[in-house]
Protein backbone atom coordinates (compact mmCIF):
# COMPACT_ATOMS: atom_id res chain seq x y z
CA MET A 1 101.42 131.16 74.85
CA GLU A 2 97.82 129.21 74.41
CA LYS A 3 97.68 130.96 70.32
CA ILE A 4 101.00 129.20 69.60
CA LYS A 5 99.75 125.62 71.28
CA SER A 6 96.79 126.31 69.56
CA TYR A 7 98.49 127.29 65.88
CA PHE A 8 100.11 124.01 66.20
CA LYS A 9 97.85 121.67 67.33
CA ASP A 10 97.11 119.68 63.60
CA TRP A 11 100.37 119.71 63.05
CA THR A 12 101.92 115.87 63.38
CA MET A 13 105.36 115.19 65.49
CA PHE A 14 107.48 114.98 62.21
CA GLU A 15 106.12 118.47 61.09
CA LYS A 16 107.15 119.93 64.17
CA SER A 17 110.45 118.11 64.37
CA TRP A 18 110.98 119.14 60.41
CA LEU A 19 110.47 122.73 61.27
CA LEU A 20 112.70 122.99 64.35
CA ILE A 21 115.73 120.70 63.32
CA SER A 22 115.93 122.68 59.77
CA SER A 23 115.19 126.44 61.62
CA VAL A 24 118.20 125.09 63.70
CA THR A 25 120.39 123.27 61.71
CA MET A 26 120.70 126.68 59.19
CA VAL A 27 121.31 128.73 62.38
CA VAL A 28 124.20 126.55 63.69
CA LEU A 29 125.71 126.14 60.53
CA SER A 30 125.85 129.81 59.42
CA LEU A 31 126.91 130.85 62.59
CA MET A 32 129.97 128.05 62.18
CA TRP A 33 130.72 129.16 58.88
CA GLY A 34 130.83 132.93 59.90
CA ASP A 35 127.50 134.14 56.95
CA SER A 36 126.53 137.43 56.75
CA MET A 37 123.37 138.36 59.20
CA ILE A 38 120.72 139.38 56.08
CA ALA A 39 122.18 135.58 54.74
CA LEU A 40 121.29 133.70 58.47
CA LEU A 41 118.16 136.00 58.40
CA SER A 42 116.19 135.16 54.64
CA GLY A 43 117.69 131.89 55.16
CA LEU A 44 115.52 131.39 58.39
CA ALA A 45 112.48 133.18 56.70
CA GLY A 46 112.41 131.04 53.61
CA ILE A 47 112.83 127.57 55.98
CA ILE A 48 109.65 128.73 57.76
CA SER A 49 107.67 129.87 54.75
CA VAL A 50 108.26 126.75 52.51
CA VAL A 51 107.26 124.60 56.11
CA LEU A 52 103.85 126.46 56.20
CA CYS A 53 103.23 126.16 52.91
CA ALA A 54 103.66 122.32 52.40
CA LYS A 55 100.41 122.84 55.60
CA GLY A 56 98.77 125.22 53.29
CA LYS A 57 99.36 128.06 55.78
CA ILE A 58 98.13 131.24 54.69
CA GLU A 59 100.45 132.75 56.74
CA ASN A 60 103.98 131.19 54.93
CA TYR A 61 103.49 134.72 53.07
CA ALA A 62 104.46 136.65 55.20
CA PHE A 63 107.71 134.74 55.98
CA GLY A 64 108.13 134.89 52.08
CA LEU A 65 107.98 138.75 51.73
CA PHE A 66 110.99 139.21 53.98
CA GLN A 67 112.81 136.25 52.08
CA ALA A 68 111.86 137.68 48.46
CA VAL A 69 113.32 140.96 49.88
CA THR A 70 116.92 139.59 51.64
CA TYR A 71 117.29 136.92 48.82
CA ALA A 72 116.96 139.57 46.37
CA TYR A 73 119.59 141.40 47.42
CA ILE A 74 122.01 138.63 48.34
CA CYS A 75 121.85 137.59 44.93
CA PHE A 76 122.52 140.81 43.57
CA GLN A 77 125.52 140.92 45.25
CA SER A 78 126.38 137.33 43.97
CA HIS A 79 125.51 138.13 39.80
CA ILE A 80 122.77 135.55 39.74
CA TYR A 81 120.70 138.45 38.37
CA GLY A 82 118.10 136.15 37.06
CA GLU A 83 117.03 135.16 40.55
CA VAL A 84 116.76 138.84 41.47
CA MET A 85 114.59 139.24 39.13
CA TYR A 86 112.58 137.02 40.49
CA ASN A 87 112.28 137.82 44.06
CA ILE A 88 111.54 141.29 42.90
CA LEU A 89 108.58 139.58 41.35
CA MET A 90 107.52 138.07 44.15
CA VAL A 91 106.75 140.62 46.49
CA PRO A 92 103.72 141.93 44.30
CA MET A 93 102.64 137.79 43.74
CA ILE A 94 102.57 137.53 46.98
CA ILE A 95 99.76 139.96 47.60
CA ILE A 96 98.39 138.49 45.14
CA GLY A 97 98.49 135.25 46.99
CA ILE A 98 97.18 136.45 50.16
CA ILE A 99 93.83 137.72 48.51
CA SER A 100 93.56 134.63 46.68
CA TRP A 101 94.13 132.04 49.39
CA LYS A 102 92.28 134.18 51.62
CA LYS A 103 89.09 133.32 49.07
CA ASN A 104 89.52 129.44 48.83
CA MET A 105 90.31 128.36 53.11
CA ALA A 106 88.88 124.97 54.03
CA ASP A 107 86.62 125.04 56.74
CA GLY A 108 88.13 124.62 60.22
CA ASN A 109 91.69 124.02 59.51
CA GLY A 110 93.04 127.26 58.68
CA GLU A 111 94.92 125.52 55.54
CA VAL A 112 93.89 126.40 51.93
CA LYS A 113 91.50 124.59 49.63
CA ALA A 114 93.91 122.48 47.51
CA ARG A 115 93.05 120.90 43.41
CA ASN A 116 95.15 118.67 40.76
CA LEU A 117 95.63 120.22 37.12
CA THR A 118 94.30 117.86 33.95
CA ALA A 119 96.28 115.63 31.65
CA LYS A 120 95.52 119.09 29.56
CA GLY A 121 97.48 121.11 31.90
CA TRP A 122 100.52 118.65 32.37
CA VAL A 123 100.85 119.44 28.56
CA ILE A 124 100.96 122.71 28.75
CA LEU A 125 102.85 123.27 31.78
CA ILE A 126 105.78 121.01 29.95
CA VAL A 127 105.63 123.14 26.95
CA GLY A 128 105.45 126.12 28.00
CA SER A 129 108.39 125.39 30.65
CA ILE A 130 110.57 124.12 28.23
CA ALA A 131 110.09 127.48 25.93
CA ALA A 132 110.25 130.07 28.36
CA VAL A 133 113.88 128.45 30.19
CA ALA A 134 115.27 128.53 26.62
CA GLY A 135 113.91 132.06 26.12
CA TYR A 136 115.16 133.68 29.40
CA SER A 137 118.33 132.13 29.04
CA PHE A 138 119.28 133.74 26.26
CA ILE A 139 118.64 136.87 27.72
CA LEU A 140 120.75 136.23 30.39
CA LYS A 141 123.45 135.36 28.64
CA LEU A 142 123.55 138.47 26.64
CA LEU A 143 123.36 140.36 30.38
CA ASP A 144 126.52 138.28 31.29
CA GLY A 145 124.94 136.38 34.22
CA GLU A 146 126.95 133.74 35.85
CA PHE A 147 125.76 129.87 35.15
CA ALA A 148 122.91 131.46 32.55
CA LEU A 149 121.22 128.16 31.83
CA ILE A 150 121.09 127.20 35.68
CA ASP A 151 119.71 130.07 36.60
CA ALA A 152 117.39 131.06 33.73
CA THR A 153 115.90 127.22 34.26
CA SER A 154 115.31 127.84 38.38
CA THR A 155 113.86 131.51 37.65
CA ILE A 156 111.39 130.49 34.91
CA LEU A 157 110.40 127.18 36.87
CA SER A 158 110.21 129.46 40.30
CA VAL A 159 107.84 131.60 38.42
CA ILE A 160 105.92 128.64 37.06
CA ALA A 161 106.00 126.78 40.06
CA THR A 162 104.61 130.68 42.14
CA ILE A 163 101.79 131.15 39.96
CA LEU A 164 100.98 127.27 40.80
CA MET A 165 100.74 128.20 44.22
CA LEU A 166 98.42 131.01 43.96
CA ALA A 167 96.13 129.25 42.00
CA ARG A 168 96.70 126.21 44.13
CA TYR A 169 97.37 123.53 42.39
CA SER A 170 99.72 120.75 43.89
CA GLU A 171 101.96 120.46 41.11
CA GLN A 172 103.41 123.34 42.16
CA TRP A 173 105.70 121.29 44.59
CA VAL A 174 107.03 118.86 41.14
CA MET A 175 107.88 122.15 39.99
CA TRP A 176 109.80 123.37 43.22
CA VAL A 177 111.62 120.02 43.83
CA ILE A 178 113.21 120.28 40.31
CA VAL A 179 114.02 123.70 40.85
CA ASN A 180 115.51 122.97 44.32
CA MET A 181 117.55 120.71 43.02
CA VAL A 182 119.11 123.41 40.52
CA SER A 183 119.58 125.78 42.83
CA VAL A 184 121.75 123.49 45.29
CA VAL A 185 123.73 122.94 41.51
CA LEU A 186 123.58 126.56 41.41
CA TRP A 187 124.61 127.23 44.89
CA VAL A 188 127.60 124.74 45.22
CA MET A 189 129.02 126.49 42.08
CA ALA A 190 128.64 129.95 44.14
CA LEU A 191 129.84 128.57 46.95
CA MET A 192 133.16 127.60 44.94
CA ASN A 193 133.46 131.47 43.55
CA GLY A 194 133.34 132.59 47.30
CA GLY A 195 129.98 133.95 46.73
CA GLU A 196 128.21 135.87 49.62
CA GLY A 197 126.08 134.02 52.16
CA SER A 198 126.73 130.72 49.55
CA VAL A 199 126.89 128.46 52.88
CA THR A 200 124.00 129.09 54.61
CA LEU A 201 121.31 129.22 51.18
CA LEU A 202 123.09 126.18 50.34
CA VAL A 203 121.83 124.33 53.31
CA MET A 204 118.31 126.53 52.75
CA TRP A 205 117.68 125.09 49.27
CA THR A 206 118.76 121.58 50.39
CA ALA A 207 116.11 121.90 53.09
CA TYR A 208 113.50 123.06 50.42
CA LEU A 209 114.60 120.11 48.27
CA PHE A 210 113.20 117.76 51.07
CA ASN A 211 109.98 120.10 52.11
CA SER A 212 109.08 120.50 48.39
CA THR A 213 108.89 116.27 48.44
CA TYR A 214 106.75 115.98 51.40
CA GLY A 215 104.86 118.90 50.08
CA TYR A 216 103.70 117.33 47.51
CA ILE A 217 102.34 114.78 49.29
CA ASN A 218 100.51 116.27 51.93
CA TRP A 219 98.86 118.77 48.97
CA ARG A 220 97.62 115.32 47.13
CA LYS A 221 95.99 114.32 50.24
CA MET A 222 94.74 118.02 50.91
CA ALA A 223 93.40 117.92 47.56
CA LYS A 224 91.33 114.32 47.65
CA GLU A 225 89.60 115.82 51.06
CA ASN A 226 88.71 118.90 49.38
CA ALA A 227 87.66 116.85 46.12
């Protein structure tokens, strides 16, 4: 119990409340709508992972690994193959992230050292994102994947956001905001088509959208402190 209290001692009341409310809401709605247990566990792990990431805590990767594996399975069942490929790719990237973050932790608070992109970095980010989305969308159409453009946008920007996260850039959260908005639309469409676990995952991505906004604010603050 003391270890738990010590872990949360630097958390604000808002952060503690947000973690609790989002987790409980997901569990309750999942049970009400009769979603599968794997969808519930995947969504819950995902919520915990992104909240910890917004705080710059390295423990986010443990929950992220579980969420990636289970979410890949759910997406496979719903024929959203771009998301399947992304989450399989996430497994080795999570391992890389743990190594990268361990080497760049701030002293005293257990948080990673955040930083910001330069103007040149922003140009490369925007041009590269547009080109990659266009190319991957074409590939998904050849594979007869559902919602190819939306799926490609979500997947490619997720990969880019993950790379920015591994490199400790606060701009990852700008990408995550876009990804989460796209993913909300994706799972609304999947829900309308009767996709497995759609309700829980729609709630999860909506919570992610809110968390990403807070994550950007907090990481900009962290980057200034580490400048």
